Amino acid sequence: MKLVTVILGLIILLSVPLSAGAITLINNDVILEAQEYGVKRSKMPLSDFLQPWLAYEEQAAIINETTERAYLYTPFLLLAYDARDKAISKQSIELANSEQILADYAGCLVFSIIVNGNTEKFSDNVQVIIKQEKKIIKPYHAVINPR
């Protein structure tokens, strides 16, 4: 059996209100904390860095590298991820850049999903939605990256 993994990067514009307890307003102190978090963990493998924002498929019989999973990119994670990338490439990490990231993603919910299938084209017709009670929300933008 051939296993193919696809990473779906999704951006959902929040025109429909969602419960967002994990997504809080960001002030300069939180921006600096996120930048520090990213810099201090820049040498970690990406999977370890992203671990706190990971949710496994709830019915998974076993959890390993092939288990389907999702990552929620909170504003904190977006800033920490940017700081991590800049630290790796030895670029400066500026408050203004982080503020621009927050502005660029304001009103958006960003997450990635890793799903597995048996053929290379299993994801060709994949449609992803978020359900919250009776509301169905479709992504504004989706990118499929075969791995």
C-alpha atoms as a PDB file:
ATOM      1  CA  MET A   1       0.000   0.000   0.000  1.00  0.00           C
ATOM      2  CA  LYS A   2       1.394   3.358  -1.027  1.00  0.00           C
ATOM      3  CA  LEU A   3       0.931   6.198   1.459  1.00  0.00           C
ATOM      4  CA  VAL A   4       0.735   9.721   0.124  1.00  0.00           C
ATOM      5  CA  THR A   5       0.673  12.689   2.460  1.00  0.00           C
ATOM      6  CA  VAL A   6      -0.791  16.034   1.517  1.00  0.00           C
ATOM      7  CA  ILE A   7      -0.551  19.216   3.524  1.00  0.00           C
ATOM      8  CA  LEU A   8      -3.482  21.549   3.058  1.00  0.00           C
ATOM      9  CA  GLY A   9      -2.809  25.127   4.029  1.00  0.00           C
ATOM     10  CA  LEU A  10      -6.076  26.932   4.543  1.00  0.00           C
ATOM     11  CA  ILE A  11      -7.065  30.488   5.191  1.00  0.00           C
ATOM     12  CA  ILE A  12     -10.608  31.163   6.224  1.00  0.00           C
ATOM     13  CA  LEU A  13     -11.890  34.698   6.345  1.00  0.00           C
ATOM     14  CA  LEU A  14     -13.903  35.082   9.481  1.00  0.00           C
ATOM     15  CA  SER A  15     -17.007  36.704   8.111  1.00  0.00           C
ATOM     16  CA  VAL A  16     -18.943  34.255  10.260  1.00  0.00           C
ATOM     17  CA  PRO A  17     -18.269  34.608  13.998  1.00  0.00           C
ATOM     18  CA  LEU A  18     -16.409  31.665  15.507  1.00  0.00           C
ATOM     19  CA  SER A  19     -15.567  30.903  19.096  1.00  0.00           C
ATOM     20  CA  ALA A  20     -11.928  31.876  19.255  1.00  0.00           C
ATOM     21  CA  GLY A  21     -10.770  31.418  22.821  1.00  0.00           C
ATOM     22  CA  ALA A  22      -7.301  30.411  21.642  1.00  0.00           C
ATOM     23  CA  ILE A  23      -7.031  33.527  19.502  1.00  0.00           C
ATOM     24  CA  THR A  24      -6.622  36.589  21.673  1.00  0.00           C
ATOM     25  CA  LEU A  25      -5.697  40.176  20.983  1.00  0.00           C
ATOM     26  CA  ILE A  26      -1.987  40.765  20.694  1.00  0.00           C
ATOM     27  CA  ASN A  27      -0.141  43.669  22.293  1.00  0.00           C
ATOM     28  CA  ASN A  28       3.552  44.589  22.068  1.00  0.00           C
ATOM     29  CA  ASP A  29       4.455  42.419  25.065  1.00  0.00           C
ATOM     30  CA  VAL A  30       2.876  39.370  23.427  1.00  0.00           C
ATOM     31  CA  ILE A  31       4.586  40.183  20.126  1.00  0.00           C
ATOM     32  CA  LEU A  32       7.959  40.280  21.881  1.00  0.00           C
ATOM     33  CA  GLU A  33       7.144  37.044  23.697  1.00  0.00           C
ATOM     34  CA  ALA A  34       6.232  35.349  20.399  1.00  0.00           C
ATOM     35  CA  GLN A  35       9.436  36.605  18.777  1.00  0.00           C
ATOM     36  CA  GLU A  36      11.496  35.309  21.711  1.00  0.00           C
ATOM     37  CA  TYR A  37       9.658  31.969  21.582  1.00  0.00           C
ATOM     38  CA  GLY A  38      10.519  31.592  17.892  1.00  0.00           C
ATOM     39  CA  VAL A  39      14.163  32.600  18.295  1.00  0.00           C
ATOM     40  CA  LYS A  40      14.787  30.343  21.301  1.00  0.00           C
ATOM     41  CA  ARG A  41      13.297  27.373  19.451  1.00  0.00           C
ATOM     42  CA  SER A  42      14.859  28.036  16.044  1.00  0.00           C
ATOM     43  CA  LYS A  43      17.115  24.998  16.284  1.00  0.00           C
ATOM     44  CA  MET A  44      14.231  22.633  17.074  1.00  0.00           C
ATOM     45  CA  PRO A  45      12.819  20.399  14.371  1.00  0.00           C
ATOM     46  CA  LEU A  46       9.722  22.061  12.916  1.00  0.00           C
ATOM     47  CA  SER A  47       7.460  19.256  14.154  1.00  0.00           C
ATOM     48  CA  ASP A  48       8.623  19.869  17.742  1.00  0.00           C
ATOM     49  CA  PHE A  49       8.242  23.632  17.333  1.00  0.00           C
ATOM     50  CA  LEU A  50       4.644  23.232  16.136  1.00  0.00           C
ATOM     51  CA  GLN A  51       3.701  20.614  18.767  1.00  0.00           C
ATOM     52  CA  PRO A  52       1.713  22.962  21.075  1.00  0.00           C
ATOM     53  CA  TRP A  53      -0.584  23.871  18.148  1.00  0.00           C
ATOM     54  CA  LEU A  54      -1.176  20.280  17.017  1.00  0.00           C
ATOM     55  CA  ALA A  55      -4.438  18.358  17.081  1.00  0.00           C
ATOM     56  CA  TYR A  56      -4.548  14.740  15.926  1.00  0.00           C
ATOM     57  CA  GLU A  57      -7.461  13.175  14.113  1.00  0.00           C
ATOM     58  CA  GLU A  58      -9.765  12.297  16.996  1.00  0.00           C
ATOM     59  CA  GLN A  59     -10.476   8.717  15.892  1.00  0.00           C
ATOM     60  CA  ALA A  60      -6.813   7.803  15.327  1.00  0.00           C
ATOM     61  CA  ALA A  61      -6.037   4.292  16.512  1.00  0.00           C
ATOM     62  CA  ILE A  62      -2.325   5.039  16.739  1.00  0.00           C
ATOM     63  CA  ILE A  63      -0.415   8.294  16.848  1.00  0.00           C
ATOM     64  CA  ASN A  64       2.769   8.412  14.783  1.00  0.00           C
ATOM     65  CA  GLU A  65       4.201  10.339  11.812  1.00  0.00           C
ATOM     66  CA  THR A  66       1.445   9.031   9.498  1.00  0.00           C
ATOM     67  CA  THR A  67      -1.484  10.073  11.716  1.00  0.00           C
ATOM     68  CA  GLU A  68      -3.686  12.738  10.164  1.00  0.00           C
ATOM     69  CA  ARG A  69      -3.399  16.012  12.046  1.00  0.00           C
ATOM     70  CA  ALA A  70      -4.052  19.737  11.969  1.00  0.00           C
ATOM     71  CA  TYR A  71      -2.197  22.827  13.138  1.00  0.00           C
ATOM     72  CA  LEU A  72      -3.979  26.034  14.095  1.00  0.00           C
ATOM     73  CA  TYR A  73      -1.851  29.069  13.285  1.00  0.00           C
ATOM     74  CA  THR A  74      -2.827  31.489  16.043  1.00  0.00           C
ATOM     75  CA  PRO A  75      -1.500  35.056  15.847  1.00  0.00           C
ATOM     76  CA  PHE A  76       1.148  34.041  18.425  1.00  0.00           C
ATOM     77  CA  LEU A  77       2.266  31.101  16.283  1.00  0.00           C
ATOM     78  CA  LEU A  78       2.344  33.202  13.096  1.00  0.00           C
ATOM     79  CA  LEU A  79       4.707  35.642  14.833  1.00  0.00           C
ATOM     80  CA  ALA A  80       6.810  32.932  16.481  1.00  0.00           C
ATOM     81  CA  TYR A  81       7.089  31.044  13.172  1.00  0.00           C
ATOM     82  CA  ASP A  82       8.213  34.209  11.394  1.00  0.00           C
ATOM     83  CA  ALA A  83      10.796  34.925  14.121  1.00  0.00           C
ATOM     84  CA  ARG A  84      12.025  31.318  13.920  1.00  0.00           C
ATOM     85  CA  ASP A  85      12.464  31.558  10.136  1.00  0.00           C
ATOM     86  CA  LYS A  86      14.281  34.874  10.444  1.00  0.00           C
ATOM     87  CA  ALA A  87      16.556  33.533  13.175  1.00  0.00           C
ATOM     88  CA  ILE A  88      17.428  30.532  10.993  1.00  0.00           C
ATOM     89  CA  SER A  89      18.264  32.789   8.036  1.00  0.00           C
ATOM     90  CA  LYS A  90      20.037  35.313  10.295  1.00  0.00           C
ATOM     91  CA  GLN A  91      17.649  38.173   9.447  1.00  0.00           C
ATOM     92  CA  SER A  92      16.669  40.861  11.913  1.00  0.00           C
ATOM     93  CA  ILE A  93      13.375  40.468  13.763  1.00  0.00           C
ATOM     94  CA  GLU A  94      11.516  43.759  13.904  1.00  0.00           C
ATOM     95  CA  LEU A  95       8.381  44.793  15.763  1.00  0.00           C
ATOM     96  CA  ALA A  96       7.067  46.484  12.593  1.00  0.00           C
ATOM     97  CA  ASN A  97       7.328  43.223  10.620  1.00  0.00           C
ATOM     98  CA  SER A  98       5.334  41.385  13.272  1.00  0.00           C
ATOM     99  CA  GLU A  99       2.718  44.132  13.324  1.00  0.00           C
ATOM    100  CA  GLN A 100       2.429  43.810   9.530  1.00  0.00           C
ATOM    101  CA  ILE A 101       1.913  40.048   9.835  1.00  0.00           C
ATOM    102  CA  LEU A 102      -0.891  40.670  12.313  1.00  0.00           C
ATOM    103  CA  ALA A 103      -2.449  43.204   9.944  1.00  0.00           C
ATOM    104  CA  ASP A 104      -2.126  40.833   6.970  1.00  0.00           C
ATOM    105  CA  TYR A 105      -3.905  38.007   8.813  1.00  0.00           C
ATOM    106  CA  ALA A 106      -6.434  40.102  10.751  1.00  0.00           C
ATOM    107  CA  GLY A 107      -9.864  38.498  10.465  1.00  0.00           C
ATOM    108  CA  CYS A 108      -8.447  35.214   9.176  1.00  0.00           C
ATOM    109  CA  LEU A 109      -8.234  31.765  10.684  1.00  0.00           C
ATOM    110  CA  VAL A 110      -5.163  29.957   9.365  1.00  0.00           C
ATOM    111  CA  PHE A 111      -4.554  26.260   9.756  1.00  0.00           C
ATOM    112  CA  SER A 112      -2.923  23.348   7.984  1.00  0.00           C
ATOM    113  CA  ILE A 113      -4.142  19.795   7.755  1.00  0.00           C
ATOM    114  CA  ILE A 114      -2.031  16.750   7.008  1.00  0.00           C
ATOM    115  CA  VAL A 115      -4.022  13.909   5.475  1.00  0.00           C
ATOM    116  CA  ASN A 116      -2.954  10.598   3.972  1.00  0.00           C
ATOM    117  CA  GLY A 117      -4.206   8.559   1.034  1.00  0.00           C
ATOM    118  CA  ASN A 118      -3.265   5.587  -1.116  1.00  0.00           C
ATOM    119  CA  THR A 119      -2.772   7.338  -4.473  1.00  0.00           C
ATOM    120  CA  GLU A 120      -0.966  10.453  -5.668  1.00  0.00           C
ATOM    121  CA  LYS A 121      -4.235  12.070  -6.758  1.00  0.00           C
ATOM    122  CA  PHE A 122      -6.356  11.279  -3.713  1.00  0.00           C
ATOM    123  CA  SER A 123      -6.439  14.948  -2.767  1.00  0.00           C
ATOM    124  CA  ASP A 124      -7.479  16.266  -6.194  1.00  0.00           C
ATOM    125  CA  ASN A 125     -11.121  16.613  -5.190  1.00  0.00           C
ATOM    126  CA  VAL A 126     -10.674  17.269  -1.485  1.00  0.00           C
ATOM    127  CA  GLN A 127     -13.006  19.889  -0.048  1.00  0.00           C
ATOM    128  CA  VAL A 128     -12.336  21.183   3.415  1.00  0.00           C
ATOM    129  CA  ILE A 129     -14.885  22.940   5.605  1.00  0.00           C
ATOM    130  CA  ILE A 130     -15.227  23.933   9.223  1.00  0.00           C
ATOM    131  CA  LYS A 131     -18.446  23.031  10.949  1.00  0.00           C
ATOM    132  CA  GLN A 132     -19.553  24.883  14.043  1.00  0.00           C
ATOM    133  CA  GLU A 133     -22.945  23.703  15.159  1.00  0.00           C
ATOM    134  CA  LYS A 134     -25.095  24.255  12.042  1.00  0.00           C
ATOM    135  CA  LYS A 135     -22.706  26.711  10.375  1.00  0.00           C
ATOM    136  CA  ILE A 136     -20.503  25.538   7.527  1.00  0.00           C
ATOM    137  CA  ILE A 137     -17.527  27.712   6.616  1.00  0.00           C
ATOM    138  CA  LYS A 138     -15.485  27.181   3.459  1.00  0.00           C
ATOM    139  CA  PRO A 139     -11.892  28.356   2.967  1.00  0.00           C
ATOM    140  CA  TYR A 140     -11.112  31.577   1.176  1.00  0.00           C
ATOM    141  CA  HIS A 141      -7.785  30.121   0.007  1.00  0.00           C
ATOM    142  CA  ALA A 142      -6.355  26.589   0.039  1.00  0.00           C
ATOM    143  CA  VAL A 143      -2.949  25.289  -1.058  1.00  0.00           C
ATOM    144  CA  ILE A 144      -2.220  21.609  -1.529  1.00  0.00           C
ATOM    145  CA  ASN A 145       1.426  20.543  -1.154  1.00  0.00           C
ATOM    146  CA  PRO A 146       2.185  16.877  -1.816  1.00  0.00           C
ATOM    147  CA  ARG A 147       4.968  15.630   0.405  1.00  0.00           C
END
